[in-house]
Amino acid sequence: MVRAQSWVMTKHFDGFPKKSDFGLKVEELPEPKDGEVLLEAEFLSVDPYMRSFSKTHMKEGDVMIGGQVAKVIQSRNPAFPVGSHVVSNSGWRTHTISDGTGLTPILPEWPKDVSLSLALGAIGMPGLTAVYGIEEVLGLQKGETLLVNAAAGAVGSVVGQIAKIKGCKVVGSAGTDAQVAYLRELGFDEVFNYKTVGSLEEALRKASPEGYDCFFENVGGSFSTVALQQMKNFGRIAVCGSISVYNDSTPQTGPYPHLTMILKQLKMEGFMQSRWEHKHPETLKRLLAWVKEGKLHYREHVTKGFENMPAAFMGMLQGENIGKAVVAV
């Protein structure tokens, strides 16, 4: 018998999440049956989508959703031997009984000097999101100019680097001077702190006077309204996130983009990485190769202790992280 802990959402978030919205649950797990494995979490992910999905994919009392890197500590499934590591969507749990469905083994060629936590970041869901947004949605071409907001986050920081690998000009927006400095280290062509510029419109125009071919959208809200005005004719927008509205109790209204989209003949498409799940194995190998070659750099914001999951989640929503936010158990 294993003592397992999990964090549950005790009540739906009203505005920004509060500590009192979470509850810690403890239970004893039985021994694995034939075909099952017992997983022990080593790293857990906190991501913006958890805030928006909590409204649509969860009910009060549910374990918080999310991915983790876990070690197989007991196995009655030959596909997952004891000691092996997997990526699992087990949520905020220390231990999980699984029949193997949905478990993704860590790539066998994973370097020993690269933390397995990257399977939740640059070589995981955020990295996949960056690749598919750039290649499948935007169709980004060499020589084009890309704008990405929330650029110092788990997805945005990978987006900008892949665009540079493809020979593009990259403009990034972030919310702290430390994040801006990090983006410069990564090789972004133009970066700015959207909180301190006098005018977002002027900052975008100064960074790329000729406008933008592509926009990788992570923020939504008023930033999006201003950015669409700066798109070139026939520009493409990949809508990955809208973190500026996730914590709103009252939905934001207007201005609306339709006239701008018509006059500039823009193409805007929302997406999730799961659409291209059939490409994941090949794409993860590409991401790992870029890391090995020194073309894709990463930084992590690591919080230690399973007991700090809610604090790590709320800190990430407030933009405290540079790169991927993870919790080390």
Protein backbone atom coordinates (compact mmCIF):
# COMPACT_ATOMS: atom_id res chain seq x y z
CA MET A 1 0.00 0.00 0.00
CA VAL A 2 1.28 3.43 -0.98
CA ARG A 3 0.21 6.70 0.62
CA ALA A 4 -0.72 9.03 -2.23
CA GLN A 5 -1.38 12.75 -2.09
CA SER A 6 -3.34 14.83 -4.57
CA TRP A 7 -4.47 18.44 -4.89
CA VAL A 8 -8.15 18.94 -5.70
CA MET A 9 -10.05 22.02 -6.80
CA THR A 10 -12.44 22.47 -3.88
CA LYS A 11 -14.37 25.25 -5.63
CA HIS A 12 -14.35 26.80 -9.09
CA PHE A 13 -12.05 29.79 -9.30
CA ASP A 14 -13.77 33.15 -9.09
CA GLY A 15 -11.29 35.53 -10.68
CA PHE A 16 -7.68 34.85 -9.75
CA PRO A 17 -7.22 31.49 -7.93
CA LYS A 18 -6.84 31.58 -4.15
CA LYS A 19 -5.11 29.15 -1.79
CA SER A 20 -8.51 28.30 -0.30
CA ASP A 21 -9.67 27.01 -3.72
CA PHE A 22 -7.37 23.99 -3.32
CA GLY A 23 -7.46 21.05 -0.94
CA LEU A 24 -4.87 18.37 -0.22
CA LYS A 25 -6.26 14.83 -0.29
CA VAL A 26 -4.52 11.71 1.05
CA GLU A 27 -5.42 8.12 0.15
CA GLU A 28 -3.96 4.61 0.23
CA LEU A 29 -3.47 3.05 -3.20
CA PRO A 30 -3.87 -0.70 -3.73
CA GLU A 31 -1.25 -2.94 -5.33
CA PRO A 32 -1.19 -2.82 -9.16
CA LYS A 33 -3.23 -5.51 -10.92
CA ASP A 34 -2.19 -7.40 -14.05
CA GLY A 35 -1.41 -4.89 -16.80
CA GLU A 36 -1.07 -1.99 -14.34
CA VAL A 37 1.83 0.09 -13.05
CA LEU A 38 2.37 2.29 -10.03
CA LEU A 39 3.82 5.69 -10.89
CA GLU A 40 5.65 8.08 -8.59
CA ALA A 41 5.79 11.71 -9.73
CA GLU A 42 9.21 13.36 -9.95
CA PHE A 43 8.29 16.58 -11.78
CA LEU A 44 4.87 18.16 -12.22
CA SER A 45 3.81 20.85 -14.66
CA VAL A 46 1.90 24.06 -14.03
CA ASP A 47 0.55 25.72 -17.18
CA PRO A 48 -1.82 28.56 -18.13
CA TYR A 49 -4.28 26.18 -19.84
CA MET A 50 -5.12 24.67 -16.43
CA ARG A 51 -6.85 27.92 -15.48
CA SER A 52 -9.08 28.01 -18.57
CA PHE A 53 -9.69 24.25 -18.69
CA SER A 54 -10.79 24.27 -15.04
CA LYS A 55 -14.00 25.96 -16.22
CA THR A 56 -14.75 23.49 -18.99
CA HIS A 57 -13.05 20.20 -18.07
CA MET A 58 -13.37 20.04 -14.28
CA LYS A 59 -15.97 19.98 -11.55
CA GLU A 60 -15.51 20.88 -7.90
CA GLY A 61 -13.69 18.13 -6.01
CA ASP A 62 -11.74 16.92 -9.07
CA VAL A 63 -7.99 16.44 -8.91
CA MET A 64 -6.26 19.33 -10.71
CA ILE A 65 -5.39 18.40 -14.27
CA GLY A 66 -1.86 18.41 -15.63
CA GLY A 67 1.16 16.54 -16.88
CA GLN A 68 4.00 14.99 -14.92
CA VAL A 69 7.19 13.04 -15.37
CA ALA A 70 6.88 9.90 -13.28
CA LYS A 71 8.99 6.88 -12.40
CA VAL A 72 7.57 3.37 -12.59
CA ILE A 73 8.07 1.96 -9.07
CA GLN A 74 5.91 -1.17 -9.42
CA SER A 75 4.95 -2.87 -12.66
CA ARG A 76 2.74 -5.70 -13.84
CA ASN A 77 2.92 -4.39 -17.40
CA PRO A 78 5.95 -5.49 -19.46
CA ALA A 79 5.77 -2.35 -21.61
CA PHE A 80 6.72 -0.22 -18.58
CA PRO A 81 9.50 -1.85 -16.53
CA VAL A 82 10.34 -0.77 -12.99
CA GLY A 83 12.77 2.15 -13.03
CA SER A 84 11.62 3.51 -16.38
CA HIS A 85 10.23 7.04 -16.74
CA VAL A 86 7.10 8.21 -18.51
CA VAL A 87 5.15 11.39 -19.20
CA SER A 88 1.64 11.05 -17.83
CA ASN A 89 -1.44 13.25 -17.66
CA SER A 90 -2.13 12.08 -14.10
CA GLY A 91 -2.78 15.55 -12.72
CA TRP A 92 -1.53 16.90 -9.41
CA ARG A 93 -0.83 13.53 -7.75
CA THR A 94 2.25 12.07 -6.09
CA HIS A 95 1.34 8.50 -7.02
CA THR A 96 -0.95 6.99 -9.65
CA ILE A 97 -2.14 3.52 -10.64
CA SER A 98 -2.25 3.31 -14.45
CA ASP A 99 -3.12 0.60 -16.97
CA GLY A 100 -0.61 2.18 -19.37
CA THR A 101 -3.15 4.13 -21.42
CA GLY A 102 -1.82 7.55 -22.35
CA LEU A 103 1.66 6.98 -20.93
CA THR A 104 4.53 8.22 -23.12
CA PRO A 105 7.94 6.67 -22.39
CA ILE A 106 10.84 9.11 -22.20
CA LEU A 107 12.84 8.99 -25.45
CA PRO A 108 15.47 6.22 -25.20
CA GLU A 109 18.16 8.56 -26.54
CA TRP A 110 17.51 11.14 -23.78
CA PRO A 111 20.93 12.48 -22.63
CA LYS A 112 21.91 11.75 -19.04
CA ASP A 113 22.97 15.38 -18.51
CA VAL A 114 19.54 16.79 -19.49
CA SER A 115 16.92 16.96 -16.73
CA LEU A 116 13.83 14.83 -17.32
CA SER A 117 11.78 17.90 -16.38
CA LEU A 118 12.35 19.11 -19.95
CA ALA A 119 9.84 16.47 -21.03
CA LEU A 120 7.27 18.91 -19.59
CA GLY A 121 8.84 21.91 -21.34
CA ALA A 122 11.03 22.46 -24.38
CA ILE A 123 11.02 18.73 -25.24
CA GLY A 124 7.39 18.27 -24.25
CA MET A 125 3.96 19.81 -24.67
CA PRO A 126 5.14 23.45 -24.85
CA GLY A 127 7.80 22.57 -27.43
CA LEU A 128 5.28 20.62 -29.49
CA THR A 129 2.90 23.59 -29.31
CA ALA A 130 5.64 25.91 -30.59
CA VAL A 131 6.55 23.66 -33.52
CA TYR A 132 2.98 23.05 -34.68
CA GLY A 133 1.97 26.69 -34.29
CA ILE A 134 4.90 27.78 -36.44
CA GLU A 135 4.85 25.03 -39.05
CA GLU A 136 1.28 23.74 -39.29
CA VAL A 137 -0.71 26.89 -38.51
CA LEU A 138 1.47 29.84 -39.55
CA GLY A 139 3.55 28.17 -42.26
CA LEU A 140 6.37 30.54 -41.28
CA GLN A 141 8.87 31.11 -44.12
CA LYS A 142 12.50 32.21 -44.10
CA GLY A 143 12.85 36.00 -44.11
CA GLU A 144 9.44 36.69 -42.57
CA THR A 145 8.84 38.70 -39.39
CA LEU A 146 7.21 37.01 -36.41
CA LEU A 147 5.69 38.64 -33.32
CA VAL A 148 5.28 36.53 -30.17
CA ASN A 149 3.88 37.76 -26.85
CA ALA A 150 4.39 36.14 -23.43
CA ALA A 151 7.70 35.44 -25.14
CA ALA A 152 9.65 34.46 -22.02
CA GLY A 153 7.19 31.72 -21.10
CA ALA A 154 7.43 28.00 -21.75
CA VAL A 155 5.93 28.21 -25.26
CA GLY A 156 6.97 31.71 -26.32
CA SER A 157 10.67 31.22 -25.61
CA VAL A 158 10.72 28.13 -27.84
CA VAL A 159 8.66 29.83 -30.55
CA GLY A 160 11.19 32.64 -30.92
CA GLN A 161 14.16 30.29 -31.08
CA ILE A 162 12.58 28.04 -33.71
CA ALA A 163 11.74 31.10 -35.79
CA LYS A 164 15.41 32.14 -35.61
CA ILE A 165 16.46 28.62 -36.66
CA LYS A 166 14.22 29.10 -39.70
CA GLY A 167 15.89 32.40 -40.62
CA CYS A 168 13.20 34.85 -39.50
CA LYS A 169 13.14 38.19 -37.72
CA VAL A 170 11.64 37.76 -34.24
CA VAL A 171 10.02 40.43 -32.07
CA GLY A 172 9.13 39.41 -28.52
CA SER A 173 7.09 41.02 -25.76
CA ALA A 174 7.42 40.17 -22.05
CA GLY A 175 6.38 41.62 -18.69
CA THR A 176 9.61 42.13 -16.72
CA ASP A 177 13.05 43.55 -17.48
CA ALA A 178 14.62 40.22 -16.45
CA GLN A 179 12.48 38.42 -19.01
CA VAL A 180 13.44 40.96 -21.68
CA ALA A 181 17.14 40.41 -20.88
CA TYR A 182 16.65 36.65 -21.22
CA LEU A 183 15.03 37.04 -24.65
CA ARG A 184 18.02 39.08 -25.80
CA GLU A 185 20.27 36.22 -24.65
CA LEU A 186 18.21 33.85 -26.79
CA GLY A 187 18.83 35.96 -29.89
CA PHE A 188 15.47 37.68 -30.37
CA ASP A 189 15.94 40.61 -32.77
CA GLU A 190 13.73 43.08 -30.91
CA VAL A 191 12.25 42.80 -27.41
CA PHE A 192 10.37 45.11 -25.07
CA ASN A 193 8.60 45.17 -21.71
CA TYR A 194 4.96 45.82 -22.53
CA LYS A 195 4.32 47.07 -18.98
CA THR A 196 6.85 49.92 -19.19
CA VAL A 197 6.59 51.12 -22.81
CA GLY A 198 4.65 54.35 -23.14
CA SER A 199 2.62 53.03 -26.06
CA LEU A 200 2.27 49.42 -27.16
CA GLU A 201 1.38 50.61 -30.66
CA GLU A 202 4.58 52.67 -30.92
CA ALA A 203 6.72 49.85 -29.46
CA LEU A 204 5.41 47.39 -32.05
CA ARG A 205 5.88 49.88 -34.89
CA LYS A 206 9.42 50.73 -33.77
CA ALA A 207 10.35 47.03 -33.51
CA SER A 208 9.15 46.33 -37.06
CA PRO A 209 8.14 49.44 -39.03
CA GLU A 210 7.17 47.32 -42.03
CA GLY A 211 4.68 45.29 -39.94
CA TYR A 212 4.37 41.59 -39.15
CA ASP A 213 3.86 38.58 -41.39
CA CYS A 214 3.00 36.25 -38.50
CA PHE A 215 1.78 36.62 -34.93
CA PHE A 216 2.00 33.82 -32.36
CA GLU A 217 -0.71 34.86 -29.91
CA ASN A 218 -0.48 33.82 -26.25
CA VAL A 219 -2.10 36.78 -24.47
CA GLY A 220 -5.32 38.01 -26.12
CA GLY A 221 -7.23 41.03 -24.83
CA SER A 222 -6.06 44.56 -25.61
CA PHE A 223 -2.60 43.40 -26.77
CA SER A 224 -4.24 41.45 -29.58
CA THR A 225 -6.35 44.43 -30.62
CA VAL A 226 -3.25 46.61 -31.03
CA ALA A 227 -1.14 43.90 -32.66
CA LEU A 228 -3.69 43.11 -35.38
CA GLN A 229 -3.45 46.71 -36.59
CA GLN A 230 0.26 46.12 -37.24
CA MET A 231 -0.15 42.98 -39.34
CA LYS A 232 0.85 43.04 -42.99
CA ASN A 233 -1.78 42.28 -45.61
CA PHE A 234 -2.45 38.53 -45.74
CA GLY A 235 -0.81 38.11 -42.30
CA ARG A 236 -1.34 34.92 -40.31
CA ILE A 237 -2.16 34.63 -36.60
CA ALA A 238 -1.83 31.41 -34.57
CA VAL A 239 -3.98 31.67 -31.46
CA CYS A 240 -2.36 29.50 -28.80
CA GLY A 241 -3.47 31.22 -25.60
CA SER A 242 -5.31 34.16 -24.08
CA ILE A 243 -3.82 34.43 -20.61
CA SER A 244 -4.93 38.05 -20.16
CA VAL A 245 -8.58 36.94 -19.89
CA TYR A 246 -8.32 33.61 -18.03
CA ASN A 247 -8.93 35.17 -14.61
CA ASP A 248 -11.69 37.58 -15.62
CA SER A 249 -14.91 37.21 -13.63
CA THR A 250 -16.72 39.34 -16.24
CA PRO A 251 -15.88 38.63 -19.90
CA GLN A 252 -14.08 41.43 -21.73
CA THR A 253 -15.94 43.09 -24.57
CA GLY A 254 -14.66 44.74 -27.78
CA PRO A 255 -13.14 46.29 -29.70
CA TYR A 256 -13.77 43.62 -32.29
CA PRO A 257 -11.24 42.62 -34.96
CA HIS A 258 -13.47 41.85 -37.92
CA LEU A 259 -13.00 45.02 -39.97
CA THR A 260 -9.22 44.90 -39.55
CA MET A 261 -9.22 41.23 -40.56
CA ILE A 262 -11.30 41.98 -43.65
CA LEU A 263 -9.29 44.97 -44.83
CA LYS A 264 -5.93 43.26 -44.24
CA GLN A 265 -7.30 39.85 -45.35
CA LEU A 266 -5.84 38.19 -42.26
CA LYS A 267 -5.99 34.51 -41.40
CA MET A 268 -6.48 33.64 -37.70
CA GLU A 269 -6.59 30.07 -36.41
CA GLY A 270 -6.87 28.64 -32.92
CA PHE A 271 -5.10 25.37 -32.21
CA MET A 272 -3.97 22.81 -29.66
CA GLN A 273 -0.97 20.55 -30.06
CA SER A 274 -3.06 17.40 -29.65
CA ARG A 275 -4.34 17.83 -33.23
CA TRP A 276 -0.98 16.55 -34.50
CA GLU A 277 -0.52 13.79 -31.94
CA HIS A 278 0.46 11.41 -34.74
CA LYS A 279 3.56 13.57 -35.30
CA HIS A 280 4.63 13.75 -31.63
CA PRO A 281 7.36 11.05 -31.70
CA GLU A 282 9.11 12.61 -34.69
CA THR A 283 8.68 16.18 -33.38
CA LEU A 284 10.03 15.34 -29.92
CA LYS A 285 13.13 13.88 -31.57
CA ARG A 286 13.60 17.10 -33.55
CA LEU A 287 13.30 19.20 -30.39
CA LEU A 288 15.79 16.97 -28.56
CA ALA A 289 18.21 17.24 -31.49
CA TRP A 290 18.03 21.06 -31.39
CA VAL A 291 18.82 20.98 -27.67
CA LYS A 292 21.76 18.62 -28.23
CA GLU A 293 23.07 20.84 -31.05
CA GLY A 294 22.88 23.96 -28.89
CA LYS A 295 20.27 25.58 -31.15
CA LEU A 296 17.45 25.42 -28.61
CA HIS A 297 18.16 26.83 -25.16
CA TYR A 298 15.92 26.63 -22.13
CA ARG A 299 15.43 27.91 -18.64
CA GLU A 300 13.20 26.50 -15.93
CA HIS A 301 11.48 28.04 -12.94
CA VAL A 302 11.59 25.16 -10.44
CA THR A 303 9.52 25.12 -7.23
CA LYS A 304 10.46 22.39 -4.76
CA GLY A 305 7.87 20.41 -2.86
CA PHE A 306 4.51 18.89 -3.82
CA GLU A 307 2.93 20.94 -1.04
CA ASN A 308 3.73 24.07 -3.07
CA MET A 309 1.73 23.13 -6.19
CA PRO A 310 -0.95 25.84 -5.69
CA ALA A 311 1.67 28.53 -5.03
CA ALA A 312 3.64 27.51 -8.13
CA PHE A 313 0.46 27.59 -10.23
CA MET A 314 -0.56 31.04 -9.00
CA GLY A 315 2.98 32.39 -9.42
CA MET A 316 3.05 31.18 -13.01
CA LEU A 317 -0.28 32.91 -13.73
CA GLN A 318 1.24 36.13 -12.35
CA GLY A 319 4.21 35.84 -14.72
CA GLU A 320 6.85 35.08 -12.09
CA ASN A 321 8.56 32.47 -14.26
CA ILE A 322 11.18 32.71 -16.97
CA GLY A 323 10.83 29.62 -19.14
CA LYS A 324 8.89 26.56 -18.01
CA ALA A 325 7.36 26.47 -14.52
CA VAL A 326 7.69 23.02 -12.90
CA VAL A 327 7.43 21.53 -9.44
CA ALA A 328 10.06 19.05 -8.27
CA VAL A 329 8.66 16.54 -5.80
